[in-house]
Amino acid sequence: MIRPELLELLRCPKTHQKLTLAQPELIERLNARIKTGRLQNRAGKVVQQPLEAGLLCEDRAFLYPVRGNLPIMLVDEAVPVAATG
């Protein structure tokens, strides 16, 4: 997946917080919400494509999706994780 050296360099483009790889359980919860059409990204658009993985902000508020082994580091593409429990 993402090499540790690269992960150490990546930061949230909005808050500049460190990012960590999201646990599989979180990805599963987010994908369940995607499947039911109940997950919106920061831009307010419904997320339709399931997540392969994600990079979680240090405060655990937002996750940047990883698709095709590439992190999508666009502010509007981040998804909120607070409502996933």
PDB file of N, CA and C in Angstrom:
ATOM      1  N   MET A   1       0.842  -1.180   0.000  1.00  0.00           N
ATOM      2  CA  MET A   1       0.000   0.000   0.000  1.00  0.00           C
ATOM      3  C   MET A   1       0.882   1.236   0.000  1.00  0.00           C
ATOM      4  N   ILE A   2       0.746   2.107   0.962  1.00  0.00           N
ATOM      5  CA  ILE A   2       1.537   3.340   1.004  1.00  0.00           C
ATOM      6  C   ILE A   2       2.775   3.110   1.867  1.00  0.00           C
ATOM      7  N   ARG A   3       3.914   3.406   1.289  1.00  0.00           N
ATOM      8  CA  ARG A   3       5.173   3.200   2.009  1.00  0.00           C
ATOM      9  C   ARG A   3       5.237   4.093   3.241  1.00  0.00           C
ATOM     10  N   PRO A   4       5.804   3.588   4.329  1.00  0.00           N
ATOM     11  CA  PRO A   4       5.901   4.371   5.565  1.00  0.00           C
ATOM     12  C   PRO A   4       6.628   5.705   5.382  1.00  0.00           C
ATOM     13  N   GLU A   5       7.647   5.738   4.515  1.00  0.00           N
ATOM     14  CA  GLU A   5       8.387   6.989   4.281  1.00  0.00           C
ATOM     15  C   GLU A   5       7.477   8.051   3.666  1.00  0.00           C
ATOM     16  N   LEU A   6       6.612   7.625   2.742  1.00  0.00           N
ATOM     17  CA  LEU A   6       5.682   8.556   2.106  1.00  0.00           C
ATOM     18  C   LEU A   6       4.616   9.000   3.102  1.00  0.00           C
ATOM     19  N   LEU A   7       4.100   8.060   3.870  1.00  0.00           N
ATOM     20  CA  LEU A   7       3.083   8.387   4.861  1.00  0.00           C
ATOM     21  C   LEU A   7       3.599   9.413   5.867  1.00  0.00           C
ATOM     22  N   GLU A   8       4.859   9.327   6.211  1.00  0.00           N
ATOM     23  CA  GLU A   8       5.452  10.277   7.158  1.00  0.00           C
ATOM     24  C   GLU A   8       5.476  11.702   6.587  1.00  0.00           C
ATOM     25  N   LEU A   9       5.544  11.823   5.265  1.00  0.00           N
ATOM     26  CA  LEU A   9       5.597  13.134   4.618  1.00  0.00           C
ATOM     27  C   LEU A   9       4.213  13.737   4.358  1.00  0.00           C
ATOM     28  N   LEU A  10       3.217  12.891   4.182  1.00  0.00           N
ATOM     29  CA  LEU A  10       1.882  13.376   3.831  1.00  0.00           C
ATOM     30  C   LEU A  10       1.220  14.091   5.001  1.00  0.00           C
ATOM     31  N   ARG A  11       0.517  15.151   4.692  1.00  0.00           N
ATOM     32  CA  ARG A  11      -0.226  15.926   5.681  1.00  0.00           C
ATOM     33  C   ARG A  11      -1.582  16.295   5.082  1.00  0.00           C
ATOM     34  N   CYS A  12      -2.535  16.526   5.949  1.00  0.00           N
ATOM     35  CA  CYS A  12      -3.841  16.991   5.505  1.00  0.00           C
ATOM     36  C   CYS A  12      -3.638  18.327   4.777  1.00  0.00           C
ATOM     37  N   PRO A  13      -4.157  18.465   3.566  1.00  0.00           N
ATOM     38  CA  PRO A  13      -3.952  19.714   2.838  1.00  0.00           C
ATOM     39  C   PRO A  13      -4.698  20.905   3.446  1.00  0.00           C
ATOM     40  N   LYS A  14      -5.684  20.662   4.290  1.00  0.00           N
ATOM     41  CA  LYS A  14      -6.437  21.761   4.914  1.00  0.00           C
ATOM     42  C   LYS A  14      -5.854  22.149   6.275  1.00  0.00           C
ATOM     43  N   THR A  15      -5.578  21.152   7.133  1.00  0.00           N
ATOM     44  CA  THR A  15      -5.157  21.449   8.509  1.00  0.00           C
ATOM     45  C   THR A  15      -3.681  21.165   8.775  1.00  0.00           C
ATOM     46  N   HIS A  16      -3.039  20.481   7.856  1.00  0.00           N
ATOM     47  CA  HIS A  16      -1.621  20.107   7.961  1.00  0.00           C
ATOM     48  C   HIS A  16      -1.351  19.100   9.089  1.00  0.00           C
ATOM     49  N   GLN A  17      -2.389  18.403   9.519  1.00  0.00           N
ATOM     50  CA  GLN A  17      -2.214  17.354  10.517  1.00  0.00           C
ATOM     51  C   GLN A  17      -1.548  16.134   9.898  1.00  0.00           C
ATOM     52  N   LYS A  18      -0.900  15.335  10.743  1.00  0.00           N
ATOM     53  CA  LYS A  18      -0.351  14.068  10.291  1.00  0.00           C
ATOM     54  C   LYS A  18      -1.499  13.146   9.904  1.00  0.00           C
ATOM     55  N   LEU A  19      -1.188  12.216   9.018  1.00  0.00           N
ATOM     56  CA  LEU A  19      -2.164  11.231   8.567  1.00  0.00           C
ATOM     57  C   LEU A  19      -1.687   9.833   8.928  1.00  0.00           C
ATOM     58  N   THR A  20      -2.631   8.966   9.234  1.00  0.00           N
ATOM     59  CA  THR A  20      -2.328   7.557   9.488  1.00  0.00           C
ATOM     60  C   THR A  20      -3.261   6.704   8.648  1.00  0.00           C
ATOM     61  N   LEU A  21      -2.852   5.478   8.419  1.00  0.00           N
ATOM     62  CA  LEU A  21      -3.723   4.552   7.696  1.00  0.00           C
ATOM     63  C   LEU A  21      -4.914   4.196   8.568  1.00  0.00           C
ATOM     64  N   ALA A  22      -6.088   4.253   7.989  1.00  0.00           N
ATOM     65  CA  ALA A  22      -7.311   3.917   8.715  1.00  0.00           C
ATOM     66  C   ALA A  22      -7.385   2.408   8.932  1.00  0.00           C
ATOM     67  N   GLN A  23      -7.926   2.034  10.067  1.00  0.00           N
ATOM     68  CA  GLN A  23      -8.122   0.629  10.380  1.00  0.00           C
ATOM     69  C   GLN A  23      -9.208   0.049   9.467  1.00  0.00           C
ATOM     70  N   PRO A  24      -9.107  -1.245   9.130  1.00  0.00           N
ATOM     71  CA  PRO A  24     -10.113  -1.875   8.254  1.00  0.00           C
ATOM     72  C   PRO A  24     -11.542  -1.744   8.783  1.00  0.00           C
ATOM     73  N   GLU A  25     -11.718  -1.733  10.098  1.00  0.00           N
ATOM     74  CA  GLU A  25     -13.063  -1.614  10.671  1.00  0.00           C
ATOM     75  C   GLU A  25     -13.700  -0.274  10.312  1.00  0.00           C
ATOM     76  N   LEU A  26     -12.919   0.790  10.306  1.00  0.00           N
ATOM     77  CA  LEU A  26     -13.431   2.105   9.934  1.00  0.00           C
ATOM     78  C   LEU A  26     -13.801   2.124   8.458  1.00  0.00           C
ATOM     79  N   ILE A  27     -12.961   1.549   7.623  1.00  0.00           N
ATOM     80  CA  ILE A  27     -13.246   1.487   6.183  1.00  0.00           C
ATOM     81  C   ILE A  27     -14.545   0.722   5.953  1.00  0.00           C
ATOM     82  N   GLU A  28     -14.745  -0.374   6.674  1.00  0.00           N
ATOM     83  CA  GLU A  28     -15.981  -1.154   6.548  1.00  0.00           C
ATOM     84  C   GLU A  28     -17.206  -0.323   6.935  1.00  0.00           C
ATOM     85  N   ARG A  29     -17.114   0.425   8.032  1.00  0.00           N
ATOM     86  CA  ARG A  29     -18.247   1.261   8.454  1.00  0.00           C
ATOM     87  C   ARG A  29     -18.551   2.347   7.422  1.00  0.00           C
ATOM     88  N   LEU A  30     -17.502   2.974   6.885  1.00  0.00           N
ATOM     89  CA  LEU A  30     -17.717   3.995   5.866  1.00  0.00           C
ATOM     90  C   LEU A  30     -18.302   3.390   4.593  1.00  0.00           C
ATOM     91  N   ASN A  31     -17.807   2.225   4.198  1.00  0.00           N
ATOM     92  CA  ASN A  31     -18.331   1.566   2.997  1.00  0.00           C
ATOM     93  C   ASN A  31     -19.792   1.161   3.176  1.00  0.00           C
ATOM     94  N   ALA A  32     -20.194   0.793   4.387  1.00  0.00           N
ATOM     95  CA  ALA A  32     -21.600   0.469   4.649  1.00  0.00           C
ATOM     96  C   ALA A  32     -22.466   1.715   4.433  1.00  0.00           C
ATOM     97  N   ARG A  33     -21.972   2.876   4.860  1.00  0.00           N
ATOM     98  CA  ARG A  33     -22.705   4.123   4.638  1.00  0.00           C
ATOM     99  C   ARG A  33     -22.721   4.510   3.161  1.00  0.00           C
ATOM    100  N   ILE A  34     -21.628   4.228   2.448  1.00  0.00           N
ATOM    101  CA  ILE A  34     -21.588   4.497   1.006  1.00  0.00           C
ATOM    102  C   ILE A  34     -22.632   3.642   0.300  1.00  0.00           C
ATOM    103  N   LYS A  35     -22.708   2.390   0.685  1.00  0.00           N
ATOM    104  CA  LYS A  35     -23.638   1.442   0.049  1.00  0.00           C
ATOM    105  C   LYS A  35     -25.089   1.900   0.180  1.00  0.00           C
ATOM    106  N   THR A  36     -25.410   2.549   1.297  1.00  0.00           N
ATOM    107  CA  THR A  36     -26.784   3.019   1.510  1.00  0.00           C
ATOM    108  C   THR A  36     -26.993   4.456   1.030  1.00  0.00           C
ATOM    109  N   GLY A  37     -25.943   5.071   0.480  1.00  0.00           N
ATOM    110  CA  GLY A  37     -26.051   6.436  -0.025  1.00  0.00           C
ATOM    111  C   GLY A  37     -26.077   7.493   1.062  1.00  0.00           C
ATOM    112  N   ARG A  38     -25.538   7.159   2.246  1.00  0.00           N
ATOM    113  CA  ARG A  38     -25.589   8.081   3.382  1.00  0.00           C
ATOM    114  C   ARG A  38     -24.252   8.708   3.739  1.00  0.00           C
ATOM    115  N   LEU A  39     -23.291   8.673   2.846  1.00  0.00           N
ATOM    116  CA  LEU A  39     -22.007   9.302   3.143  1.00  0.00           C
ATOM    117  C   LEU A  39     -21.725  10.397   2.126  1.00  0.00           C
ATOM    118  N   GLN A  40     -21.496  11.597   2.641  1.00  0.00           N
ATOM    119  CA  GLN A  40     -21.148  12.721   1.789  1.00  0.00           C
ATOM    120  C   GLN A  40     -19.719  13.147   2.086  1.00  0.00           C
ATOM    121  N   ASN A  41     -19.044  13.645   1.055  1.00  0.00           N
ATOM    122  CA  ASN A  41     -17.690  14.163   1.270  1.00  0.00           C
ATOM    123  C   ASN A  41     -17.773  15.603   1.776  1.00  0.00           C
ATOM    124  N   ARG A  42     -16.644  16.190   1.997  1.00  0.00           N
ATOM    125  CA  ARG A  42     -16.584  17.550   2.545  1.00  0.00           C
ATOM    126  C   ARG A  42     -17.292  18.560   1.636  1.00  0.00           C
ATOM    127  N   ALA A  43     -17.345  18.297   0.350  1.00  0.00           N
ATOM    128  CA  ALA A  43     -18.011  19.190  -0.601  1.00  0.00           C
ATOM    129  C   ALA A  43     -19.528  19.005  -0.599  1.00  0.00           C
ATOM    130  N   GLY A  44     -20.027  18.006   0.148  1.00  0.00           N
ATOM    131  CA  GLY A  44     -21.459  17.759   0.216  1.00  0.00           C
ATOM    132  C   GLY A  44     -21.988  16.812  -0.840  1.00  0.00           C
ATOM    133  N   LYS A  45     -21.112  16.211  -1.611  1.00  0.00           N
ATOM    134  CA  LYS A  45     -21.529  15.252  -2.637  1.00  0.00           C
ATOM    135  C   LYS A  45     -21.568  13.847  -2.050  1.00  0.00           C
ATOM    136  N   VAL A  46     -22.564  13.081  -2.468  1.00  0.00           N
ATOM    137  CA  VAL A  46     -22.690  11.702  -2.008  1.00  0.00           C
ATOM    138  C   VAL A  46     -21.537  10.887  -2.585  1.00  0.00           C
ATOM    139  N   VAL A  47     -20.843  10.160  -1.716  1.00  0.00           N
ATOM    140  CA  VAL A  47     -19.736   9.290  -2.144  1.00  0.00           C
ATOM    141  C   VAL A  47     -20.350   8.021  -2.712  1.00  0.00           C
ATOM    142  N   GLN A  48     -19.957   7.666  -3.930  1.00  0.00           N
ATOM    143  CA  GLN A  48     -20.541   6.499  -4.590  1.00  0.00           C
ATOM    144  C   GLN A  48     -19.564   5.345  -4.740  1.00  0.00           C
ATOM    145  N   GLN A  49     -18.277   5.643  -4.798  1.00  0.00           N
ATOM    146  CA  GLN A  49     -17.267   4.604  -5.002  1.00  0.00           C
ATOM    147  C   GLN A  49     -16.761   4.107  -3.649  1.00  0.00           C
ATOM    148  N   PRO A  50     -16.806   2.783  -3.418  1.00  0.00           N
ATOM    149  CA  PRO A  50     -16.303   2.239  -2.145  1.00  0.00           C
ATOM    150  C   PRO A  50     -14.830   2.580  -1.935  1.00  0.00           C
ATOM    151  N   LEU A  51     -14.463   2.664  -0.667  1.00  0.00           N
ATOM    152  CA  LEU A  51     -13.082   2.961  -0.297  1.00  0.00           C
ATOM    153  C   LEU A  51     -12.266   1.679  -0.240  1.00  0.00           C
ATOM    154  N   GLU A  52     -11.077   1.716  -0.806  1.00  0.00           N
ATOM    155  CA  GLU A  52     -10.134   0.602  -0.668  1.00  0.00           C
ATOM    156  C   GLU A  52      -9.390   0.721   0.655  1.00  0.00           C
ATOM    157  N   ALA A  53      -9.084   1.966   0.996  1.00  0.00           N
ATOM    158  CA  ALA A  53      -8.350   2.301   2.216  1.00  0.00           C
ATOM    159  C   ALA A  53      -8.544   3.792   2.436  1.00  0.00           C
ATOM    160  N   GLY A  54      -7.905   4.314   3.483  1.00  0.00           N
ATOM    161  CA  GLY A  54      -8.030   5.738   3.736  1.00  0.00           C
ATOM    162  C   GLY A  54      -6.932   6.246   4.642  1.00  0.00           C
ATOM    163  N   LEU A  55      -6.682   7.533   4.551  1.00  0.00           N
ATOM    164  CA  LEU A  55      -5.712   8.212   5.408  1.00  0.00           C
ATOM    165  C   LEU A  55      -6.487   9.091   6.370  1.00  0.00           C
ATOM    166  N   LEU A  56      -6.338   8.803   7.639  1.00  0.00           N
ATOM    167  CA  LEU A  56      -7.109   9.447   8.692  1.00  0.00           C
ATOM    168  C   LEU A  56      -6.321  10.604   9.287  1.00  0.00           C
ATOM    169  N   CYS A  57      -6.986  11.760   9.399  1.00  0.00           N
ATOM    170  CA  CYS A  57      -6.367  12.917  10.040  1.00  0.00           C
ATOM    171  C   CYS A  57      -6.133  12.618  11.517  1.00  0.00           C
ATOM    172  N   GLU A  58      -5.150  13.275  12.076  1.00  0.00           N
ATOM    173  CA  GLU A  58      -4.753  13.066  13.461  1.00  0.00           C
ATOM    174  C   GLU A  58      -5.914  13.258  14.446  1.00  0.00           C
ATOM    175  N   ASP A  59      -6.802  14.205  14.168  1.00  0.00           N
ATOM    176  CA  ASP A  59      -7.935  14.434  15.058  1.00  0.00           C
ATOM    177  C   ASP A  59      -9.109  13.481  14.794  1.00  0.00           C
ATOM    178  N   ARG A  60      -8.945  12.600  13.824  1.00  0.00           N
ATOM    179  CA  ARG A  60      -9.936  11.585  13.463  1.00  0.00           C
ATOM    180  C   ARG A  60     -11.246  12.180  12.945  1.00  0.00           C
ATOM    181  N   ALA A  61     -11.213  13.409  12.463  1.00  0.00           N
ATOM    182  CA  ALA A  61     -12.419  14.055  11.964  1.00  0.00           C
ATOM    183  C   ALA A  61     -12.688  13.742  10.491  1.00  0.00           C
ATOM    184  N   PHE A  62     -11.619  13.635   9.690  1.00  0.00           N
ATOM    185  CA  PHE A  62     -11.774  13.394   8.258  1.00  0.00           C
ATOM    186  C   PHE A  62     -10.807  12.319   7.781  1.00  0.00           C
ATOM    187  N   LEU A  63     -11.232  11.671   6.706  1.00  0.00           N
ATOM    188  CA  LEU A  63     -10.434  10.622   6.083  1.00  0.00           C
ATOM    189  C   LEU A  63     -10.318  10.935   4.598  1.00  0.00           C
ATOM    190  N   TYR A  64      -9.111  10.831   4.085  1.00  0.00           N
ATOM    191  CA  TYR A  64      -8.878  10.985   2.651  1.00  0.00           C
ATOM    192  C   TYR A  64      -8.882   9.598   2.019  1.00  0.00           C
ATOM    193  N   PRO A  65      -9.702   9.391   0.976  1.00  0.00           N
ATOM    194  CA  PRO A  65      -9.793   8.064   0.373  1.00  0.00           C
ATOM    195  C   PRO A  65      -8.512   7.668  -0.360  1.00  0.00           C
ATOM    196  N   VAL A  66      -8.288   6.366  -0.391  1.00  0.00           N
ATOM    197  CA  VAL A  66      -7.210   5.790  -1.194  1.00  0.00           C
ATOM    198  C   VAL A  66      -7.886   4.903  -2.234  1.00  0.00           C
ATOM    199  N   ARG A  67      -7.609   5.194  -3.498  1.00  0.00           N
ATOM    200  CA  ARG A  67      -8.200   4.413  -4.594  1.00  0.00           C
ATOM    201  C   ARG A  67      -7.090   4.056  -5.573  1.00  0.00           C
ATOM    202  N   GLY A  68      -7.031   2.788  -5.936  1.00  0.00           N
ATOM    203  CA  GLY A  68      -5.972   2.339  -6.835  1.00  0.00           C
ATOM    204  C   GLY A  68      -4.599   2.578  -6.239  1.00  0.00           C
ATOM    205  N   ASN A  69      -4.487   2.435  -4.917  1.00  0.00           N
ATOM    206  CA  ASN A  69      -3.249   2.656  -4.166  1.00  0.00           C
ATOM    207  C   ASN A  69      -2.759   4.103  -4.212  1.00  0.00           C
ATOM    208  N   LEU A  70      -3.628   5.022  -4.623  1.00  0.00           N
ATOM    209  CA  LEU A  70      -3.267   6.440  -4.669  1.00  0.00           C
ATOM    210  C   LEU A  70      -4.122   7.217  -3.680  1.00  0.00           C
ATOM    211  N   PRO A  71      -3.500   7.960  -2.772  1.00  0.00           N
ATOM    212  CA  PRO A  71      -4.285   8.794  -1.866  1.00  0.00           C
ATOM    213  C   PRO A  71      -4.881   9.983  -2.617  1.00  0.00           C
ATOM    214  N   ILE A  72      -6.160  10.216  -2.396  1.00  0.00           N
ATOM    215  CA  ILE A  72      -6.852  11.341  -3.020  1.00  0.00           C
ATOM    216  C   ILE A  72      -6.811  12.491  -2.019  1.00  0.00           C
ATOM    217  N   MET A  73      -5.849  13.372  -2.191  1.00  0.00           N
ATOM    218  CA  MET A  73      -5.551  14.410  -1.213  1.00  0.00           C
ATOM    219  C   MET A  73      -6.198  15.750  -1.574  1.00  0.00           C
ATOM    220  N   LEU A  74      -7.430  15.699  -2.029  1.00  0.00           N
ATOM    221  CA  LEU A  74      -8.182  16.903  -2.334  1.00  0.00           C
ATOM    222  C   LEU A  74      -9.100  17.201  -1.154  1.00  0.00           C
ATOM    223  N   VAL A  75      -9.094  18.429  -0.673  1.00  0.00           N
ATOM    224  CA  VAL A  75      -9.870  18.804   0.504  1.00  0.00           C
ATOM    225  C   VAL A  75     -11.337  18.415   0.346  1.00  0.00           C
ATOM    226  N   ASP A  76     -11.928  18.678  -0.803  1.00  0.00           N
ATOM    227  CA  ASP A  76     -13.346  18.382  -1.016  1.00  0.00           C
ATOM    228  C   ASP A  76     -13.655  16.891  -1.036  1.00  0.00           C
ATOM    229  N   GLU A  77     -12.671  16.048  -1.264  1.00  0.00           N
ATOM    230  CA  GLU A  77     -12.884  14.601  -1.311  1.00  0.00           C
ATOM    231  C   GLU A  77     -12.811  13.922   0.064  1.00  0.00           C
ATOM    232  N   ALA A  78     -12.368  14.647   1.068  1.00  0.00           N
ATOM    233  CA  ALA A  78     -12.283  14.079   2.420  1.00  0.00           C
ATOM    234  C   ALA A  78     -13.687  13.747   2.913  1.00  0.00           C
ATOM    235  N   VAL A  79     -13.797  12.654   3.660  1.00  0.00           N
ATOM    236  CA  VAL A  79     -15.100  12.258   4.209  1.00  0.00           C
ATOM    237  C   VAL A  79     -15.063  12.347   5.730  1.00  0.00           C
ATOM    238  N   PRO A  80     -16.150  12.815   6.324  1.00  0.00           N
ATOM    239  CA  PRO A  80     -16.207  12.910   7.785  1.00  0.00           C
ATOM    240  C   PRO A  80     -16.340  11.515   8.392  1.00  0.00           C
ATOM    241  N   VAL A  81     -15.673  11.288   9.492  1.00  0.00           N
ATOM    242  CA  VAL A  81     -15.742   9.968  10.135  1.00  0.00           C
ATOM    243  C   VAL A  81     -16.439  10.006  11.482  1.00  0.00           C
ATOM    244  N   ALA A  82     -16.755  11.167  12.005  1.00  0.00           N
ATOM    245  CA  ALA A  82     -17.336  11.291  13.335  1.00  0.00           C
ATOM    246  C   ALA A  82     -18.653  10.540  13.482  1.00  0.00           C
ATOM    247  N   ALA A  83     -19.452  10.483  12.453  1.00  0.00           N
ATOM    248  CA  ALA A  83     -20.772   9.859  12.552  1.00  0.00           C
ATOM    249  C   ALA A  83     -20.737   8.348  12.361  1.00  0.00           C
ATOM    250  N   THR A  84     -19.547   7.770  12.242  1.00  0.00           N
ATOM    251  CA  THR A  84     -19.487   6.324  11.990  1.00  0.00           C
ATOM    252  C   THR A  84     -19.367   5.520  13.263  1.00  0.00           C
ATOM    253  N   GLY A  85     -19.202   6.146  14.404  1.00  0.00           N
ATOM    254  CA  GLY A  85     -19.153   5.442  15.677  1.00  0.00           C
ATOM    255  C   GLY A  85     -17.850   4.902  16.047  1.00  0.00           C
TER     256      GLY A  85
END
